Structure formats: structure tokens, C-alpha cells
């Protein structure tokens, strides 16, 4: 078994997290992914969709697929 000594300065700050290197590298790759930033038009469309959903104006998957002409 290996013994790891954690410097007191790191332990005092409370910001120390230990994870396997592969997980750390996966997190770094995710950091490079651009985040979607919605425009005001996107926000309005989302609000409109939420209002329609509350009012019961929505389609089932089957009705949606039929409207688009998609066959199972």
C-alpha cells in the first residue's frame, strides 16, 4: 500500500479533491466543449413552448412523427 502525504497548506484550504488521473483527463476534455449560450430568441421560444405545454397543447411522439412523415 502506498502512503500519500498531503501538504498542510492544501488540507487547510479545503479545496483538495483526489480522483484517478483518467477521470481528471476526461474532465479536462469536457472543459474544452463549447457551452450553448441561448439568444433572446431562443429564450422566447422556450417560454412559448412551456406555456403551450402548460395549456395542454402538445403532441405525443406518435402524432409528432406522423406530422413529420416519419415511419417507425
PDB file of N, CA and C in Angstrom:
ATOM      1  N   UNK A   1       0.837  -1.164   0.000  1.00  0.00           N
ATOM      2  CA  UNK A   1       0.000   0.000   0.000  1.00  0.00           C
ATOM      3  C   UNK A   1       0.893   1.242   0.000  1.00  0.00           C
ATOM      4  N   UNK A   2       0.494   2.243  -0.799  1.00  0.00           N
ATOM      5  CA  UNK A   2       1.262   3.489  -0.867  1.00  0.00           C
ATOM      6  C   UNK A   2       0.794   4.462   0.193  1.00  0.00           C
ATOM      7  N   UNK A   3       1.725   5.265   0.649  1.00  0.00           N
ATOM      8  CA  UNK A   3       1.401   6.319   1.607  1.00  0.00           C
ATOM      9  C   UNK A   3       1.520   7.649   0.901  1.00  0.00           C
ATOM     10  N   UNK A   4       0.506   8.471   1.045  1.00  0.00           N
ATOM     11  CA  UNK A   4       0.500   9.785   0.409  1.00  0.00           C
ATOM     12  C   UNK A   4       0.468  10.841   1.510  1.00  0.00           C
ATOM     13  N   UNK A   5       1.355  11.804   1.406  1.00  0.00           N
ATOM     14  CA  UNK A   5       1.379  12.908   2.360  1.00  0.00           C
ATOM     15  C   UNK A   5       0.793  14.142   1.688  1.00  0.00           C
ATOM     16  N   UNK A   6      -0.225  14.702   2.306  1.00  0.00           N
ATOM     17  CA  UNK A   6      -0.886  15.893   1.766  1.00  0.00           C
ATOM     18  C   UNK A   6      -0.337  17.109   2.505  1.00  0.00           C
ATOM     19  N   UNK A   7       0.218  18.070   1.770  1.00  0.00           N
ATOM     20  CA  UNK A   7       0.748  19.272   2.435  1.00  0.00           C
ATOM     21  C   UNK A   7      -0.335  19.976   3.245  1.00  0.00           C
ATOM     22  N   UNK A   8       0.041  20.467   4.408  1.00  0.00           N
ATOM     23  CA  UNK A   8      -0.924  21.137   5.290  1.00  0.00           C
ATOM     24  C   UNK A   8      -1.587  22.338   4.623  1.00  0.00           C
ATOM     25  N   UNK A   9      -0.853  23.030   3.758  1.00  0.00           N
ATOM     26  CA  UNK A   9      -1.437  24.211   3.104  1.00  0.00           C
ATOM     27  C   UNK A   9      -2.637  23.814   2.245  1.00  0.00           C
ATOM     28  N   UNK A  10      -2.566  22.683   1.562  1.00  0.00           N
ATOM     29  CA  UNK A  10      -3.702  22.218   0.761  1.00  0.00           C
ATOM     30  C   UNK A  10      -4.841  21.738   1.646  1.00  0.00           C
ATOM     31  N   UNK A  11      -4.501  21.037   2.698  1.00  0.00           N
ATOM     32  CA  UNK A  11      -5.530  20.495   3.583  1.00  0.00           C
ATOM     33  C   UNK A  11      -6.287  21.608   4.298  1.00  0.00           C
ATOM     34  N   UNK A  12      -5.641  22.698   4.632  1.00  0.00           N
ATOM     35  CA  UNK A  12      -6.296  23.815   5.332  1.00  0.00           C
ATOM     36  C   UNK A  12      -7.324  24.523   4.459  1.00  0.00           C
ATOM     37  N   UNK A  13      -7.016  24.645   3.173  1.00  0.00           N
ATOM     38  CA  UNK A  13      -7.906  25.378   2.267  1.00  0.00           C
ATOM     39  C   UNK A  13      -9.211  24.638   2.029  1.00  0.00           C
ATOM     40  N   UNK A  14      -9.215  23.332   2.171  1.00  0.00           N
ATOM     41  CA  UNK A  14     -10.433  22.563   1.979  1.00  0.00           C
ATOM     42  C   UNK A  14     -10.803  22.352   0.516  1.00  0.00           C
ATOM     43  N   UNK A  15      -9.914  22.673  -0.408  1.00  0.00           N
ATOM     44  CA  UNK A  15     -10.192  22.553  -1.832  1.00  0.00           C
ATOM     45  C   UNK A  15      -9.514  21.344  -2.461  1.00  0.00           C
ATOM     46  N   UNK A  16      -9.157  20.373  -1.679  1.00  0.00           N
ATOM     47  CA  UNK A  16      -8.426  19.224  -2.176  1.00  0.00           C
ATOM     48  C   UNK A  16      -9.396  18.123  -2.583  1.00  0.00           C
ATOM     49  N   UNK A  17      -9.256  17.665  -3.833  1.00  0.00           N
ATOM     50  CA  UNK A  17     -10.064  16.563  -4.353  1.00  0.00           C
ATOM     51  C   UNK A  17      -9.108  15.576  -4.996  1.00  0.00           C
ATOM     52  N   UNK A  18      -9.275  14.315  -4.667  1.00  0.00           N
ATOM     53  CA  UNK A  18      -8.403  13.288  -5.238  1.00  0.00           C
ATOM     54  C   UNK A  18      -9.259  12.385  -6.122  1.00  0.00           C
ATOM     55  N   UNK A  19      -8.893  12.319  -7.415  1.00  0.00           N
ATOM     56  CA  UNK A  19      -9.585  11.456  -8.359  1.00  0.00           C
ATOM     57  C   UNK A  19      -8.547  10.761  -9.234  1.00  0.00           C
ATOM     58  N   UNK A  20      -8.899   9.645  -9.830  1.00  0.00           N
ATOM     59  CA  UNK A  20      -7.950   8.972 -10.727  1.00  0.00           C
ATOM     60  C   UNK A  20      -7.584   9.867 -11.911  1.00  0.00           C
ATOM     61  N   UNK A  21      -6.363   9.698 -12.406  1.00  0.00           N
ATOM     62  CA  UNK A  21      -5.854  10.532 -13.500  1.00  0.00           C
ATOM     63  C   UNK A  21      -6.736  10.460 -14.737  1.00  0.00           C
ATOM     64  N   UNK A  22      -7.242   9.287 -15.089  1.00  0.00           N
ATOM     65  CA  UNK A  22      -8.088   9.150 -16.280  1.00  0.00           C
ATOM     66  C   UNK A  22      -9.351   9.990 -16.150  1.00  0.00           C
ATOM     67  N   UNK A  23      -9.949  10.008 -14.967  1.00  0.00           N
ATOM     68  CA  UNK A  23     -11.141  10.832 -14.754  1.00  0.00           C
ATOM     69  C   UNK A  23     -10.807  12.319 -14.861  1.00  0.00           C
ATOM     70  N   UNK A  24      -9.656  12.700 -14.316  1.00  0.00           N
ATOM     71  CA  UNK A  24      -9.214  14.095 -14.393  1.00  0.00           C
ATOM     72  C   UNK A  24      -9.022  14.522 -15.852  1.00  0.00           C
ATOM     73  N   UNK A  25      -8.402  13.652 -16.641  1.00  0.00           N
ATOM     74  CA  UNK A  25      -8.180  13.973 -18.052  1.00  0.00           C
ATOM     75  C   UNK A  25      -9.504  14.043 -18.815  1.00  0.00           C
ATOM     76  N   UNK A  26     -10.468  13.192 -18.452  1.00  0.00           N
ATOM     77  CA  UNK A  26     -11.790  13.250 -19.078  1.00  0.00           C
ATOM     78  C   UNK A  26     -12.468  14.576 -18.754  1.00  0.00           C
ATOM     79  N   UNK A  27     -12.310  15.044 -17.525  1.00  0.00           N
ATOM     80  CA  UNK A  27     -12.880  16.337 -17.140  1.00  0.00           C
ATOM     81  C   UNK A  27     -12.237  17.478 -17.915  1.00  0.00           C
ATOM     82  N   UNK A  28     -10.947  17.380 -18.145  1.00  0.00           N
ATOM     83  CA  UNK A  28     -10.263  18.416 -18.924  1.00  0.00           C
ATOM     84  C   UNK A  28     -10.775  18.448 -20.362  1.00  0.00           C
ATOM     85  N   UNK A  29     -11.058  17.268 -20.936  1.00  0.00           N
ATOM     86  CA  UNK A  29     -11.615  17.224 -22.296  1.00  0.00           C
ATOM     87  C   UNK A  29     -12.992  17.862 -22.333  1.00  0.00           C
ATOM     88  N   UNK A  30     -13.795  17.632 -21.315  1.00  0.00           N
ATOM     89  CA  UNK A  30     -15.129  18.239 -21.258  1.00  0.00           C
ATOM     90  C   UNK A  30     -15.045  19.756 -21.160  1.00  0.00           C
ATOM     91  N   UNK A  31     -14.021  20.235 -20.519  1.00  0.00           N
ATOM     92  CA  UNK A  31     -13.834  21.676 -20.343  1.00  0.00           C
ATOM     93  C   UNK A  31     -13.677  22.377 -21.689  1.00  0.00           C
ATOM     94  N   UNK A  32     -13.163  21.650 -22.687  1.00  0.00           N
ATOM     95  CA  UNK A  32     -12.929  22.232 -24.000  1.00  0.00           C
ATOM     96  C   UNK A  32     -14.189  22.312 -24.849  1.00  0.00           C
ATOM     97  N   UNK A  33     -15.268  21.649 -24.417  1.00  0.00           N
ATOM     98  CA  UNK A  33     -16.521  21.644 -25.173  1.00  0.00           C
ATOM     99  C   UNK A  33     -17.192  23.007 -25.005  1.00  0.00           C
ATOM    100  N   UNK A  34     -17.574  23.605 -26.133  1.00  0.00           N
ATOM    101  CA  UNK A  34     -18.237  24.912 -26.063  1.00  0.00           C
ATOM    102  C   UNK A  34     -19.624  24.772 -25.457  1.00  0.00           C
ATOM    103  N   UNK A  35     -19.959  25.677 -24.604  1.00  0.00           N
ATOM    104  CA  UNK A  35     -21.258  25.669 -23.951  1.00  0.00           C
ATOM    105  C   UNK A  35     -22.250  26.444 -24.806  1.00  0.00           C
ATOM    106  N   UNK A  36     -23.476  25.933 -24.868  1.00  0.00           N
ATOM    107  CA  UNK A  36     -24.532  26.600 -25.623  1.00  0.00           C
ATOM    108  C   UNK A  36     -25.010  27.818 -24.848  1.00  0.00           C
ATOM    109  N   UNK A  37     -25.004  28.967 -25.490  1.00  0.00           N
ATOM    110  CA  UNK A  37     -25.497  30.199 -24.871  1.00  0.00           C
ATOM    111  C   UNK A  37     -26.723  30.643 -25.657  1.00  0.00           C
ATOM    112  N   UNK A  38     -27.913  30.517 -25.046  1.00  0.00           N
ATOM    113  CA  UNK A  38     -29.129  30.846 -25.780  1.00  0.00           C
ATOM    114  C   UNK A  38     -29.266  32.348 -26.044  1.00  0.00           C
ATOM    115  N   UNK A  39     -29.804  32.668 -27.211  1.00  0.00           N
ATOM    116  CA  UNK A  39     -30.082  34.064 -27.546  1.00  0.00           C
ATOM    117  C   UNK A  39     -31.438  34.431 -26.960  1.00  0.00           C
ATOM    118  N   UNK A  40     -31.810  35.685 -27.057  1.00  0.00           N
ATOM    119  CA  UNK A  40     -33.118  36.097 -26.552  1.00  0.00           C
ATOM    120  C   UNK A  40     -34.238  35.429 -27.352  1.00  0.00           C
ATOM    121  N   UNK A  41     -33.991  35.180 -28.635  1.00  0.00           N
ATOM    122  CA  UNK A  41     -34.985  34.489 -29.458  1.00  0.00           C
ATOM    123  C   UNK A  41     -35.182  33.044 -28.982  1.00  0.00           C
ATOM    124  N   UNK A  42     -34.090  32.381 -28.631  1.00  0.00           N
ATOM    125  CA  UNK A  42     -34.185  31.025 -28.090  1.00  0.00           C
ATOM    126  C   UNK A  42     -34.973  31.028 -26.785  1.00  0.00           C
ATOM    127  N   UNK A  43     -34.710  32.004 -25.933  1.00  0.00           N
ATOM    128  CA  UNK A  43     -35.396  32.085 -24.640  1.00  0.00           C
ATOM    129  C   UNK A  43     -36.884  32.311 -24.816  1.00  0.00           C
ATOM    130  N   UNK A  44     -37.255  33.162 -25.777  1.00  0.00           N
ATOM    131  CA  UNK A  44     -38.675  33.404 -26.052  1.00  0.00           C
ATOM    132  C   UNK A  44     -39.350  32.133 -26.567  1.00  0.00           C
ATOM    133  N   UNK A  45     -38.677  31.407 -27.454  1.00  0.00           N
ATOM    134  CA  UNK A  45     -39.235  30.167 -27.996  1.00  0.00           C
ATOM    135  C   UNK A  45     -39.417  29.131 -26.894  1.00  0.00           C
ATOM    136  N   UNK A  46     -38.480  29.054 -25.976  1.00  0.00           N
ATOM    137  CA  UNK A  46     -38.593  28.123 -24.860  1.00  0.00           C
ATOM    138  C   UNK A  46     -39.774  28.497 -23.964  1.00  0.00           C
ATOM    139  N   UNK A  47     -39.915  29.784 -23.664  1.00  0.00           N
ATOM    140  CA  UNK A  47     -41.032  30.241 -22.835  1.00  0.00           C
ATOM    141  C   UNK A  47     -42.363  29.936 -23.516  1.00  0.00           C
ATOM    142  N   UNK A  48     -42.429  30.150 -24.828  1.00  0.00           N
ATOM    143  CA  UNK A  48     -43.651  29.855 -25.582  1.00  0.00           C
ATOM    144  C   UNK A  48     -43.966  28.356 -25.513  1.00  0.00           C
ATOM    145  N   UNK A  49     -42.963  27.534 -25.654  1.00  0.00           N
ATOM    146  CA  UNK A  49     -43.150  26.088 -25.570  1.00  0.00           C
ATOM    147  C   UNK A  49     -43.627  25.651 -24.191  1.00  0.00           C
ATOM    148  N   UNK A  50     -43.077  26.268 -23.153  1.00  0.00           N
ATOM    149  CA  UNK A  50     -43.502  25.936 -21.788  1.00  0.00           C
ATOM    150  C   UNK A  50     -44.953  26.344 -21.550  1.00  0.00           C
ATOM    151  N   UNK A  51     -45.341  27.507 -22.084  1.00  0.00           N
ATOM    152  CA  UNK A  51     -46.742  27.940 -21.952  1.00  0.00           C
ATOM    153  C   UNK A  51     -47.675  26.969 -22.667  1.00  0.00           C
ATOM    154  N   UNK A  52     -47.297  26.567 -23.885  1.00  0.00           N
ATOM    155  CA  UNK A  52     -48.109  25.618 -24.635  1.00  0.00           C
ATOM    156  C   UNK A  52     -48.237  24.284 -23.903  1.00  0.00           C
ATOM    157  N   UNK A  53     -47.160  23.829 -23.305  1.00  0.00           N
ATOM    158  CA  UNK A  53     -47.182  22.577 -22.566  1.00  0.00           C
ATOM    159  C   UNK A  53     -48.126  22.673 -21.370  1.00  0.00           C
ATOM    160  N   UNK A  54     -48.096  23.810 -20.650  1.00  0.00           N
ATOM    161  CA  UNK A  54     -48.993  24.010 -19.514  1.00  0.00           C
ATOM    162  C   UNK A  54     -50.454  24.007 -19.942  1.00  0.00           C
ATOM    163  N   UNK A  55     -50.721  24.557 -21.115  1.00  0.00           N
ATOM    164  CA  UNK A  55     -52.096  24.624 -21.615  1.00  0.00           C
ATOM    165  C   UNK A  55     -52.543  23.315 -22.256  1.00  0.00           C
ATOM    166  N   UNK A  56     -51.660  22.343 -22.294  1.00  0.00           N
ATOM    167  CA  UNK A  56     -52.012  21.041 -22.863  1.00  0.00           C
ATOM    168  C   UNK A  56     -51.890  20.980 -24.373  1.00  0.00           C
ATOM    169  N   UNK A  57     -51.277  21.980 -24.961  1.00  0.00           N
ATOM    170  CA  UNK A  57     -51.081  21.993 -26.410  1.00  0.00           C
ATOM    171  C   UNK A  57     -49.755  21.312 -26.745  1.00  0.00           C
ATOM    172  N   UNK A  58     -49.786  19.995 -26.782  1.00  0.00           N
ATOM    173  CA  UNK A  58     -48.579  19.249 -27.124  1.00  0.00           C
ATOM    174  C   UNK A  58     -48.969  18.015 -27.918  1.00  0.00           C
ATOM    175  N   UNK A  59     -47.995  17.401 -28.549  1.00  0.00           N
ATOM    176  CA  UNK A  59     -48.228  16.208 -29.358  1.00  0.00           C
ATOM    177  C   UNK A  59     -47.545  15.010 -28.707  1.00  0.00           C
ATOM    178  N   UNK A  60     -48.143  13.854 -28.858  1.00  0.00           N
ATOM    179  CA  UNK A  60     -47.462  12.629 -28.444  1.00  0.00           C
ATOM    180  C   UNK A  60     -46.351  12.370 -29.456  1.00  0.00           C
ATOM    181  N   UNK A  61     -45.468  11.455 -29.117  1.00  0.00           N
ATOM    182  CA  UNK A  61     -44.387  11.136 -30.045  1.00  0.00           C
ATOM    183  C   UNK A  61     -44.952  10.631 -31.367  1.00  0.00           C
ATOM    184  N   UNK A  62     -45.951   9.748 -31.273  1.00  0.00           N
ATOM    185  CA  UNK A  62     -46.525   9.167 -32.496  1.00  0.00           C
ATOM    186  C   UNK A  62     -47.155  10.246 -33.378  1.00  0.00           C
ATOM    187  N   UNK A  63     -47.904  11.181 -32.764  1.00  0.00           N
ATOM    188  CA  UNK A  63     -48.517  12.253 -33.549  1.00  0.00           C
ATOM    189  C   UNK A  63     -47.457  13.162 -34.161  1.00  0.00           C
ATOM    190  N   UNK A  64     -46.399  13.409 -33.421  1.00  0.00           N
ATOM    191  CA  UNK A  64     -45.301  14.238 -33.899  1.00  0.00           C
ATOM    192  C   UNK A  64     -44.615  13.570 -35.099  1.00  0.00           C
ATOM    193  N   UNK A  65     -44.318  12.277 -34.941  1.00  0.00           N
ATOM    194  CA  UNK A  65     -43.667  11.534 -36.022  1.00  0.00           C
ATOM    195  C   UNK A  65     -44.557  11.494 -37.261  1.00  0.00           C
ATOM    196  N   UNK A  66     -45.863  11.315 -37.058  1.00  0.00           N
ATOM    197  CA  UNK A  66     -46.793  11.285 -38.192  1.00  0.00           C
ATOM    198  C   UNK A  66     -46.836  12.649 -38.889  1.00  0.00           C
ATOM    199  N   UNK A  67     -46.826  13.732 -38.106  1.00  0.00           N
ATOM    200  CA  UNK A  67     -46.848  15.074 -38.687  1.00  0.00           C
ATOM    201  C   UNK A  67     -45.594  15.336 -39.528  1.00  0.00           C
ATOM    202  N   UNK A  68     -44.483  14.753 -39.127  1.00  0.00           N
ATOM    203  CA  UNK A  68     -43.233  14.924 -39.869  1.00  0.00           C
ATOM    204  C   UNK A  68     -43.081  13.888 -40.991  1.00  0.00           C
ATOM    205  N   UNK A  69     -43.971  12.918 -41.027  1.00  0.00           N
ATOM    206  CA  UNK A  69     -43.893  11.894 -42.059  1.00  0.00           C
ATOM    207  C   UNK A  69     -42.875  10.819 -41.760  1.00  0.00           C
ATOM    208  N   UNK A  70     -42.581  10.614 -40.488  1.00  0.00           N
ATOM    209  CA  UNK A  70     -41.619   9.594 -40.081  1.00  0.00           C
ATOM    210  C   UNK A  70     -42.365   8.299 -39.810  1.00  0.00           C
ATOM    211  N   UNK A  71     -41.874   7.215 -40.389  1.00  0.00           N
ATOM    212  CA  UNK A  71     -42.477   5.908 -40.149  1.00  0.00           C
ATOM    213  C   UNK A  71     -41.599   5.118 -39.211  1.00  0.00           C
ATOM    214  N   UNK A  72     -42.232   4.359 -38.321  1.00  0.00           N
ATOM    215  CA  UNK A  72     -41.463   3.549 -37.341  1.00  0.00           C
ATOM    216  C   UNK A  72     -40.797   2.399 -38.000  1.00  0.00           C
TER     217      UNK A  72
END
